[in-house]
Amino acid sequence: MTPCILFAICGLLLGSFLNVCIVRLPAGESVVRPRSHCRSCGQPIAAWDNIPVLSWLLLRGACRGCGERISWRYPLVELATCGLFAICCLHFGFDWQTGAWTLLCFLLLGLAVMDAETLLLPDAFTLPGLALGVVFAGLRDGVRGAGLSLLAAAAGAVTLLLISGTYWLLRRRMGMGFGDVKLLAMLGAWLGIQQTALVLFLGVLVGAIYGVGILLFQRRKVDSLPASQFPVPFGTMLCAAGIYSIFLGPETLQWYLQFFH
């Protein structure tokens, strides 16, 4: 249990940094400089006001300097990162591969929130994530593993490019961005072809449910917008499906494939 507590503490600390990435990367800002500051008044945040979750509670969700509200997203991301790191330790045990899976969870959580808030999936997360997936496969399974990882990444990217190209031929407009293509390639590098297919299926399923929900509960608002302004954060759905697949992908595939035996 002690290793899992250590993983959880690391998750809290890295969750605080992940919030910085979520705010700054879509805006094209550095995650290193300037130091953490209030986005409203610009006042630097003191170290004692930057303790994950606790500082937000003590400050009652407001900036000490100007009183501007601090989003619920900050403590929620920190708690989610903490939880994912602890679950990785419980699920995979205490070894180097667990550290790799926590890294993937870190990237996917950050990309999910960034896409939900800005509809952007920064290359600073997807491209290094893709490369790290290939390296992880190589360290775990040797040259053959790295080759299969590259193949799965290519398969994921090509699949989304074909879907996007078909949509463009039918509707003469882009249905998804290249960030989604890079994201699925990254997931392919980490998870392999079978689990990447599962991720794509679940992502499309959740996206369809999301779309139907929007049509049912916000019909008047949706009807007043052109189709090009009806955004669906598909990357967020892929990230959620990817996190699911990390922990339950093999079992889900095994359950599904039993019907074909």
C-alpha atoms as a PDB file:
ATOM      1  CA  MET A   1       0.000   0.000   0.000  1.00  0.00           C
ATOM      2  CA  THR A   2       2.889   2.379   0.768  1.00  0.00           C
ATOM      3  CA  PRO A   3       4.065   2.485  -2.896  1.00  0.00           C
ATOM      4  CA  CYS A   4       0.538   3.417  -3.963  1.00  0.00           C
ATOM      5  CA  ILE A   5       0.529   6.298  -1.461  1.00  0.00           C
ATOM      6  CA  LEU A   6       3.789   7.506  -2.991  1.00  0.00           C
ATOM      7  CA  PHE A   7       2.266   7.273  -6.457  1.00  0.00           C
ATOM      8  CA  ALA A   8      -0.780   9.217  -5.247  1.00  0.00           C
ATOM      9  CA  ILE A   9       1.402  12.006  -3.806  1.00  0.00           C
ATOM     10  CA  CYS A  10       3.359  12.188  -7.063  1.00  0.00           C
ATOM     11  CA  GLY A  11       0.029  12.399  -8.889  1.00  0.00           C
ATOM     12  CA  LEU A  12      -1.054  15.366  -6.766  1.00  0.00           C
ATOM     13  CA  LEU A  13       2.193  17.220  -7.436  1.00  0.00           C
ATOM     14  CA  LEU A  14       2.218  16.452 -11.150  1.00  0.00           C
ATOM     15  CA  GLY A  15      -1.479  17.324 -11.334  1.00  0.00           C
ATOM     16  CA  SER A  16      -0.556  20.861 -10.268  1.00  0.00           C
ATOM     17  CA  PHE A  17       1.962  21.044 -13.128  1.00  0.00           C
ATOM     18  CA  LEU A  18      -0.598  19.532 -15.484  1.00  0.00           C
ATOM     19  CA  ASN A  19      -2.901  22.471 -14.751  1.00  0.00           C
ATOM     20  CA  VAL A  20      -0.130  24.798 -15.912  1.00  0.00           C
ATOM     21  CA  CYS A  21       0.179  22.814 -19.151  1.00  0.00           C
ATOM     22  CA  ILE A  22      -3.591  22.852 -19.688  1.00  0.00           C
ATOM     23  CA  VAL A  23      -3.737  26.632 -19.392  1.00  0.00           C
ATOM     24  CA  ARG A  24      -0.570  27.583 -21.243  1.00  0.00           C
ATOM     25  CA  LEU A  25       0.050  25.075 -24.041  1.00  0.00           C
ATOM     26  CA  PRO A  26      -3.131  25.792 -26.059  1.00  0.00           C
ATOM     27  CA  ALA A  27      -2.250  29.508 -25.819  1.00  0.00           C
ATOM     28  CA  GLY A  28       1.281  28.842 -27.110  1.00  0.00           C
ATOM     29  CA  GLU A  29       2.888  29.917 -23.837  1.00  0.00           C
ATOM     30  CA  SER A  30       5.903  28.463 -22.045  1.00  0.00           C
ATOM     31  CA  VAL A  31       5.186  26.117 -19.142  1.00  0.00           C
ATOM     32  CA  VAL A  32       8.424  27.210 -17.452  1.00  0.00           C
ATOM     33  CA  ARG A  33       8.335  31.024 -17.527  1.00  0.00           C
ATOM     34  CA  PRO A  34       6.885  33.128 -16.059  1.00  0.00           C
ATOM     35  CA  ARG A  35       6.281  31.484 -12.700  1.00  0.00           C
ATOM     36  CA  SER A  36       2.715  30.588 -11.691  1.00  0.00           C
ATOM     37  CA  HIS A  37       0.530  33.682 -11.434  1.00  0.00           C
ATOM     38  CA  CYS A  38      -3.109  34.750 -11.321  1.00  0.00           C
ATOM     39  CA  ARG A  39      -4.502  34.938 -14.861  1.00  0.00           C
ATOM     40  CA  SER A  40      -6.613  37.951 -13.865  1.00  0.00           C
ATOM     41  CA  CYS A  41      -4.336  40.281 -11.878  1.00  0.00           C
ATOM     42  CA  GLY A  42      -0.937  38.792 -12.795  1.00  0.00           C
ATOM     43  CA  GLN A  43       0.190  38.497  -9.161  1.00  0.00           C
ATOM     44  CA  PRO A  44       2.721  35.662  -8.662  1.00  0.00           C
ATOM     45  CA  ILE A  45       1.344  32.771  -6.634  1.00  0.00           C
ATOM     46  CA  ALA A  46       3.261  32.171  -3.399  1.00  0.00           C
ATOM     47  CA  ALA A  47       4.499  28.668  -2.637  1.00  0.00           C
ATOM     48  CA  TRP A  48       2.054  28.295   0.273  1.00  0.00           C
ATOM     49  CA  ASP A  49      -0.807  29.192  -2.095  1.00  0.00           C
ATOM     50  CA  ASN A  50       0.285  26.560  -4.607  1.00  0.00           C
ATOM     51  CA  ILE A  51      -0.192  23.380  -2.557  1.00  0.00           C
ATOM     52  CA  PRO A  52      -2.345  20.947  -4.573  1.00  0.00           C
ATOM     53  CA  VAL A  53      -6.038  20.939  -3.536  1.00  0.00           C
ATOM     54  CA  LEU A  54      -5.317  22.252  -0.011  1.00  0.00           C
ATOM     55  CA  SER A  55      -4.460  25.790  -1.115  1.00  0.00           C
ATOM     56  CA  TRP A  56      -7.602  25.977  -3.247  1.00  0.00           C
ATOM     57  CA  LEU A  57      -9.694  24.959  -0.228  1.00  0.00           C
ATOM     58  CA  LEU A  58      -7.966  27.394   2.152  1.00  0.00           C
ATOM     59  CA  LEU A  59      -8.353  30.245  -0.354  1.00  0.00           C
ATOM     60  CA  ARG A  60     -12.000  29.235  -0.872  1.00  0.00           C
ATOM     61  CA  GLY A  61     -11.420  29.073  -4.600  1.00  0.00           C
ATOM     62  CA  ALA A  62     -10.381  32.710  -5.036  1.00  0.00           C
ATOM     63  CA  CYS A  63      -7.155  34.621  -5.731  1.00  0.00           C
ATOM     64  CA  ARG A  64      -5.579  36.055  -2.582  1.00  0.00           C
ATOM     65  CA  GLY A  65      -4.707  39.260  -4.433  1.00  0.00           C
ATOM     66  CA  CYS A  66      -7.758  40.228  -6.510  1.00  0.00           C
ATOM     67  CA  GLY A  67     -10.440  37.851  -5.279  1.00  0.00           C
ATOM     68  CA  GLU A  68     -11.130  36.477  -8.753  1.00  0.00           C
ATOM     69  CA  ARG A  69     -12.649  32.992  -8.704  1.00  0.00           C
ATOM     70  CA  ILE A  70     -10.298  30.065  -9.338  1.00  0.00           C
ATOM     71  CA  SER A  71     -11.887  27.364 -11.464  1.00  0.00           C
ATOM     72  CA  TRP A  72     -12.978  24.039  -9.970  1.00  0.00           C
ATOM     73  CA  ARG A  73     -10.898  22.491 -12.728  1.00  0.00           C
ATOM     74  CA  TYR A  74      -7.655  23.035 -10.775  1.00  0.00           C
ATOM     75  CA  PRO A  75      -8.405  20.796  -7.761  1.00  0.00           C
ATOM     76  CA  LEU A  76     -10.357  18.317  -9.906  1.00  0.00           C
ATOM     77  CA  VAL A  77      -7.391  17.778 -12.252  1.00  0.00           C
ATOM     78  CA  GLU A  78      -5.064  17.374  -9.275  1.00  0.00           C
ATOM     79  CA  LEU A  79      -7.384  14.829  -7.652  1.00  0.00           C
ATOM     80  CA  ALA A  80      -7.908  12.980 -10.954  1.00  0.00           C
ATOM     81  CA  THR A  81      -4.146  12.724 -11.522  1.00  0.00           C
ATOM     82  CA  CYS A  82      -3.690  11.516  -7.947  1.00  0.00           C
ATOM     83  CA  GLY A  83      -6.388   8.883  -8.426  1.00  0.00           C
ATOM     84  CA  LEU A  84      -5.077   7.660 -11.773  1.00  0.00           C
ATOM     85  CA  PHE A  85      -1.539   7.288 -10.425  1.00  0.00           C
ATOM     86  CA  ALA A  86      -2.792   5.308  -7.415  1.00  0.00           C
ATOM     87  CA  ILE A  87      -4.960   3.082  -9.630  1.00  0.00           C
ATOM     88  CA  CYS A  88      -1.972   2.396 -11.901  1.00  0.00           C
ATOM     89  CA  CYS A  89       0.011   1.225  -8.882  1.00  0.00           C
ATOM     90  CA  LEU A  90      -2.828  -0.998  -7.666  1.00  0.00           C
ATOM     91  CA  HIS A  91      -3.458  -2.423 -11.128  1.00  0.00           C
ATOM     92  CA  PHE A  92       0.080  -2.948 -12.453  1.00  0.00           C
ATOM     93  CA  GLY A  93       2.111  -3.306  -9.275  1.00  0.00           C
ATOM     94  CA  PHE A  94       5.261  -1.445  -8.322  1.00  0.00           C
ATOM     95  CA  ASP A  95       7.755  -1.573 -11.209  1.00  0.00           C
ATOM     96  CA  TRP A  96       9.084   0.572 -14.038  1.00  0.00           C
ATOM     97  CA  GLN A  97       6.181  -0.225 -16.366  1.00  0.00           C
ATOM     98  CA  THR A  98       3.781   1.288 -13.845  1.00  0.00           C
ATOM     99  CA  GLY A  99       5.677   4.556 -14.150  1.00  0.00           C
ATOM    100  CA  ALA A 100       5.214   4.410 -17.921  1.00  0.00           C
ATOM    101  CA  TRP A 101       1.454   3.892 -17.607  1.00  0.00           C
ATOM    102  CA  THR A 102       1.160   6.813 -15.176  1.00  0.00           C
ATOM    103  CA  LEU A 103       2.902   8.957 -17.798  1.00  0.00           C
ATOM    104  CA  LEU A 104       0.331   7.948 -20.405  1.00  0.00           C
ATOM    105  CA  CYS A 105      -2.505   8.733 -17.972  1.00  0.00           C
ATOM    106  CA  PHE A 106      -0.910  12.148 -17.323  1.00  0.00           C
ATOM    107  CA  LEU A 107      -0.806  12.904 -21.055  1.00  0.00           C
ATOM    108  CA  LEU A 108      -4.334  11.644 -21.738  1.00  0.00           C
ATOM    109  CA  LEU A 109      -5.897  13.544 -18.843  1.00  0.00           C
ATOM    110  CA  GLY A 110      -4.198  16.750 -19.931  1.00  0.00           C
ATOM    111  CA  LEU A 111      -5.219  16.320 -23.568  1.00  0.00           C
ATOM    112  CA  ALA A 112      -8.804  15.475 -22.564  1.00  0.00           C
ATOM    113  CA  VAL A 113      -9.190  18.706 -20.586  1.00  0.00           C
ATOM    114  CA  MET A 114      -7.416  20.839 -23.194  1.00  0.00           C
ATOM    115  CA  ASP A 115      -9.642  19.536 -25.971  1.00  0.00           C
ATOM    116  CA  ALA A 116     -12.791  19.995 -23.870  1.00  0.00           C
ATOM    117  CA  GLU A 117     -11.864  23.606 -23.088  1.00  0.00           C
ATOM    118  CA  THR A 118     -10.226  24.767 -26.328  1.00  0.00           C
ATOM    119  CA  LEU A 119     -10.757  22.048 -28.992  1.00  0.00           C
ATOM    120  CA  LEU A 120      -6.954  21.914 -29.280  1.00  0.00           C
ATOM    121  CA  LEU A 121      -4.615  18.945 -28.853  1.00  0.00           C
ATOM    122  CA  PRO A 122      -1.113  20.455 -28.620  1.00  0.00           C
ATOM    123  CA  ASP A 123       1.789  18.745 -30.390  1.00  0.00           C
ATOM    124  CA  ALA A 124       3.796  19.257 -27.185  1.00  0.00           C
ATOM    125  CA  PHE A 125       1.807  16.361 -25.705  1.00  0.00           C
ATOM    126  CA  THR A 126       0.840  14.168 -28.664  1.00  0.00           C
ATOM    127  CA  LEU A 127       4.166  13.928 -30.523  1.00  0.00           C
ATOM    128  CA  PRO A 128       6.433  13.232 -27.511  1.00  0.00           C
ATOM    129  CA  GLY A 129       3.708  10.868 -26.286  1.00  0.00           C
ATOM    130  CA  LEU A 130       3.861   8.964 -29.566  1.00  0.00           C
ATOM    131  CA  ALA A 131       7.659   8.695 -29.400  1.00  0.00           C
ATOM    132  CA  LEU A 132       7.557   7.588 -25.765  1.00  0.00           C
ATOM    133  CA  GLY A 133       5.022   4.893 -26.662  1.00  0.00           C
ATOM    134  CA  VAL A 134       7.421   3.429 -29.220  1.00  0.00           C
ATOM    135  CA  VAL A 135      10.303   3.601 -26.716  1.00  0.00           C
ATOM    136  CA  PHE A 136       8.161   1.902 -24.064  1.00  0.00           C
ATOM    137  CA  ALA A 137       7.223  -0.911 -26.449  1.00  0.00           C
ATOM    138  CA  GLY A 138      10.873  -1.335 -27.397  1.00  0.00           C
ATOM    139  CA  LEU A 139      12.036  -1.532 -23.781  1.00  0.00           C
ATOM    140  CA  ARG A 140       9.282  -4.005 -22.930  1.00  0.00           C
ATOM    141  CA  ASP A 141       9.330  -6.263 -26.014  1.00  0.00           C
ATOM    142  CA  GLY A 142      12.510  -5.423 -27.909  1.00  0.00           C
ATOM    143  CA  VAL A 143      12.863  -4.433 -31.550  1.00  0.00           C
ATOM    144  CA  ARG A 144       9.781  -6.410 -32.561  1.00  0.00           C
ATOM    145  CA  GLY A 145       7.721  -4.548 -29.969  1.00  0.00           C
ATOM    146  CA  ALA A 146       8.915  -1.173 -31.246  1.00  0.00           C
ATOM    147  CA  GLY A 147       8.062  -2.199 -34.810  1.00  0.00           C
ATOM    148  CA  LEU A 148       4.558  -3.303 -33.841  1.00  0.00           C
ATOM    149  CA  SER A 149       4.134  -0.060 -31.920  1.00  0.00           C
ATOM    150  CA  LEU A 150       5.023   1.974 -35.014  1.00  0.00           C
ATOM    151  CA  LEU A 151       2.656  -0.144 -37.102  1.00  0.00           C
ATOM    152  CA  ALA A 152      -0.221   0.432 -34.661  1.00  0.00           C
ATOM    153  CA  ALA A 153       0.500   4.171 -34.603  1.00  0.00           C
ATOM    154  CA  ALA A 154       0.450   4.302 -38.402  1.00  0.00           C
ATOM    155  CA  ALA A 155      -2.753   2.239 -38.541  1.00  0.00           C
ATOM    156  CA  GLY A 156      -4.485   4.590 -36.100  1.00  0.00           C
ATOM    157  CA  ALA A 157      -3.408   7.693 -38.011  1.00  0.00           C
ATOM    158  CA  VAL A 158      -4.351   6.275 -41.425  1.00  0.00           C
ATOM    159  CA  THR A 159      -7.767   5.154 -40.161  1.00  0.00           C
ATOM    160  CA  LEU A 160      -8.686   8.637 -38.948  1.00  0.00           C
ATOM    161  CA  LEU A 161      -7.253  10.241 -42.089  1.00  0.00           C
ATOM    162  CA  LEU A 162      -9.460   7.979 -44.222  1.00  0.00           C
ATOM    163  CA  ILE A 163     -12.515   8.830 -42.127  1.00  0.00           C
ATOM    164  CA  SER A 164     -11.709  12.538 -42.277  1.00  0.00           C
ATOM    165  CA  GLY A 165     -11.061  12.386 -46.021  1.00  0.00           C
ATOM    166  CA  THR A 166     -14.325  10.563 -46.673  1.00  0.00           C
ATOM    167  CA  TYR A 167     -16.223  13.150 -44.621  1.00  0.00           C
ATOM    168  CA  TRP A 168     -14.576  15.958 -46.601  1.00  0.00           C
ATOM    169  CA  LEU A 169     -15.533  14.351 -49.915  1.00  0.00           C
ATOM    170  CA  LEU A 170     -19.155  14.038 -48.785  1.00  0.00           C
ATOM    171  CA  ARG A 171     -19.569  17.382 -46.986  1.00  0.00           C
ATOM    172  CA  ARG A 172     -16.735  19.532 -48.376  1.00  0.00           C
ATOM    173  CA  ARG A 173     -15.548  20.523 -44.917  1.00  0.00           C
ATOM    174  CA  MET A 174     -13.213  19.082 -42.316  1.00  0.00           C
ATOM    175  CA  GLY A 175     -14.888  16.837 -39.766  1.00  0.00           C
ATOM    176  CA  MET A 176     -11.937  16.620 -37.362  1.00  0.00           C
ATOM    177  CA  GLY A 177      -8.543  18.186 -36.856  1.00  0.00           C
ATOM    178  CA  PHE A 178      -5.110  16.655 -37.323  1.00  0.00           C
ATOM    179  CA  GLY A 179      -4.706  16.748 -33.547  1.00  0.00           C
ATOM    180  CA  ASP A 180      -7.138  13.829 -33.339  1.00  0.00           C
ATOM    181  CA  VAL A 181      -5.044  11.931 -35.903  1.00  0.00           C
ATOM    182  CA  LYS A 182      -1.860  12.456 -33.868  1.00  0.00           C
ATOM    183  CA  LEU A 183      -3.681  11.500 -30.671  1.00  0.00           C
ATOM    184  CA  LEU A 184      -4.907   8.176 -32.072  1.00  0.00           C
ATOM    185  CA  ALA A 185      -1.403   7.499 -33.418  1.00  0.00           C
ATOM    186  CA  MET A 186      -0.054   8.122 -29.909  1.00  0.00           C
ATOM    187  CA  LEU A 187      -2.595   5.730 -28.431  1.00  0.00           C
ATOM    188  CA  GLY A 188      -1.691   3.147 -31.074  1.00  0.00           C
ATOM    189  CA  ALA A 189       1.976   3.368 -30.129  1.00  0.00           C
ATOM    190  CA  TRP A 190       1.144   2.612 -26.502  1.00  0.00           C
ATOM    191  CA  LEU A 191      -1.775   0.197 -26.757  1.00  0.00           C
ATOM    192  CA  GLY A 192      -1.331  -1.770 -29.980  1.00  0.00           C
ATOM    193  CA  ILE A 193      -3.706  -2.305 -32.882  1.00  0.00           C
ATOM    194  CA  GLN A 194      -6.470  -4.260 -31.113  1.00  0.00           C
ATOM    195  CA  GLN A 195      -6.844  -1.888 -28.195  1.00  0.00           C
ATOM    196  CA  THR A 196      -6.591   1.119 -30.507  1.00  0.00           C
ATOM    197  CA  ALA A 197      -9.541  -0.257 -32.469  1.00  0.00           C
ATOM    198  CA  LEU A 198     -11.403  -0.550 -29.155  1.00  0.00           C
ATOM    199  CA  VAL A 199     -10.489   3.047 -28.287  1.00  0.00           C
ATOM    200  CA  LEU A 200     -11.769   4.300 -31.646  1.00  0.00           C
ATOM    201  CA  PHE A 201     -15.022   2.350 -31.285  1.00  0.00           C
ATOM    202  CA  LEU A 202     -15.623   3.631 -27.752  1.00  0.00           C
ATOM    203  CA  GLY A 203     -14.678   7.174 -28.743  1.00  0.00           C
ATOM    204  CA  VAL A 204     -17.161   7.166 -31.622  1.00  0.00           C
ATOM    205  CA  LEU A 205     -19.833   5.632 -29.373  1.00  0.00           C
ATOM    206  CA  VAL A 206     -19.358   8.267 -26.663  1.00  0.00           C
ATOM    207  CA  GLY A 207     -19.245  11.000 -29.316  1.00  0.00           C
ATOM    208  CA  ALA A 208     -22.558   9.808 -30.739  1.00  0.00           C
ATOM    209  CA  ILE A 209     -24.143   9.758 -27.274  1.00  0.00           C
ATOM    210  CA  TYR A 210     -22.776  13.260 -26.639  1.00  0.00           C
ATOM    211  CA  GLY A 211     -24.205  14.527 -29.928  1.00  0.00           C
ATOM    212  CA  VAL A 212     -27.626  13.025 -29.275  1.00  0.00           C
ATOM    213  CA  GLY A 213     -27.617  14.503 -25.770  1.00  0.00           C
ATOM    214  CA  ILE A 214     -26.830  17.968 -27.103  1.00  0.00           C
ATOM    215  CA  LEU A 215     -29.611  17.683 -29.687  1.00  0.00           C
ATOM    216  CA  LEU A 216     -32.136  16.573 -27.064  1.00  0.00           C
ATOM    217  CA  PHE A 217     -31.313  19.010 -24.260  1.00  0.00           C
ATOM    218  CA  GLN A 218     -30.073  22.074 -26.167  1.00  0.00           C
ATOM    219  CA  ARG A 219     -32.051  21.763 -29.386  1.00  0.00           C
ATOM    220  CA  ARG A 220     -33.000  25.432 -29.608  1.00  0.00           C
ATOM    221  CA  LYS A 221     -29.384  26.532 -29.180  1.00  0.00           C
ATOM    222  CA  VAL A 222     -28.086  23.942 -31.661  1.00  0.00           C
ATOM    223  CA  ASP A 223     -30.751  24.803 -34.262  1.00  0.00           C
ATOM    224  CA  SER A 224     -29.613  28.430 -34.217  1.00  0.00           C
ATOM    225  CA  LEU A 225     -26.027  27.486 -35.126  1.00  0.00           C
ATOM    226  CA  PRO A 226     -24.622  26.383 -38.479  1.00  0.00           C
ATOM    227  CA  ALA A 227     -23.275  22.824 -38.504  1.00  0.00           C
ATOM    228  CA  SER A 228     -19.707  24.128 -38.729  1.00  0.00           C
ATOM    229  CA  GLN A 229     -20.160  25.770 -35.301  1.00  0.00           C
ATOM    230  CA  PHE A 230     -21.376  22.620 -33.541  1.00  0.00           C
ATOM    231  CA  PRO A 231     -18.107  21.532 -31.915  1.00  0.00           C
ATOM    232  CA  VAL A 232     -17.594  18.028 -30.581  1.00  0.00           C
ATOM    233  CA  PRO A 233     -14.413  17.481 -28.513  1.00  0.00           C
ATOM    234  CA  PHE A 234     -13.674  14.108 -30.104  1.00  0.00           C
ATOM    235  CA  GLY A 235     -10.181  14.119 -28.635  1.00  0.00           C
ATOM    236  CA  THR A 236     -11.681  14.159 -25.149  1.00  0.00           C
ATOM    237  CA  MET A 237     -13.711  11.057 -26.010  1.00  0.00           C
ATOM    238  CA  LEU A 238     -10.625   9.291 -27.383  1.00  0.00           C
ATOM    239  CA  CYS A 239      -8.655  10.159 -24.240  1.00  0.00           C
ATOM    240  CA  ALA A 240     -11.405   8.835 -21.969  1.00  0.00           C
ATOM    241  CA  ALA A 241     -11.563   5.647 -24.048  1.00  0.00           C
ATOM    242  CA  GLY A 242      -7.782   5.396 -23.880  1.00  0.00           C
ATOM    243  CA  ILE A 243      -7.766   5.598 -20.075  1.00  0.00           C
ATOM    244  CA  TYR A 244     -10.480   2.942 -19.973  1.00  0.00           C
ATOM    245  CA  SER A 245      -8.442   0.733 -22.278  1.00  0.00           C
ATOM    246  CA  ILE A 246      -5.301   1.045 -20.142  1.00  0.00           C
ATOM    247  CA  PHE A 247      -7.053  -0.715 -17.270  1.00  0.00           C
ATOM    248  CA  LEU A 248      -9.867  -2.723 -18.848  1.00  0.00           C
ATOM    249  CA  GLY A 249      -8.980  -2.988 -22.542  1.00  0.00           C
ATOM    250  CA  PRO A 250      -7.629  -6.559 -22.549  1.00  0.00           C
ATOM    251  CA  GLU A 251     -10.574  -7.856 -20.512  1.00  0.00           C
ATOM    252  CA  THR A 252     -13.064  -6.054 -22.762  1.00  0.00           C
ATOM    253  CA  LEU A 253     -11.491  -7.494 -25.901  1.00  0.00           C
ATOM    254  CA  GLN A 254     -11.409 -10.972 -24.380  1.00  0.00           C
ATOM    255  CA  TRP A 255     -15.114 -10.689 -23.477  1.00  0.00           C
ATOM    256  CA  TYR A 256     -15.971  -9.539 -26.996  1.00  0.00           C
ATOM    257  CA  LEU A 257     -13.879 -12.137 -28.851  1.00  0.00           C
ATOM    258  CA  GLN A 258     -15.441 -15.025 -26.911  1.00  0.00           C
ATOM    259  CA  PHE A 259     -18.547 -14.642 -29.079  1.00  0.00           C
ATOM    260  CA  PHE A 260     -16.524 -15.643 -32.161  1.00  0.00           C
ATOM    261  CA  HIS A 261     -15.053 -18.867 -30.758  1.00  0.00           C
END
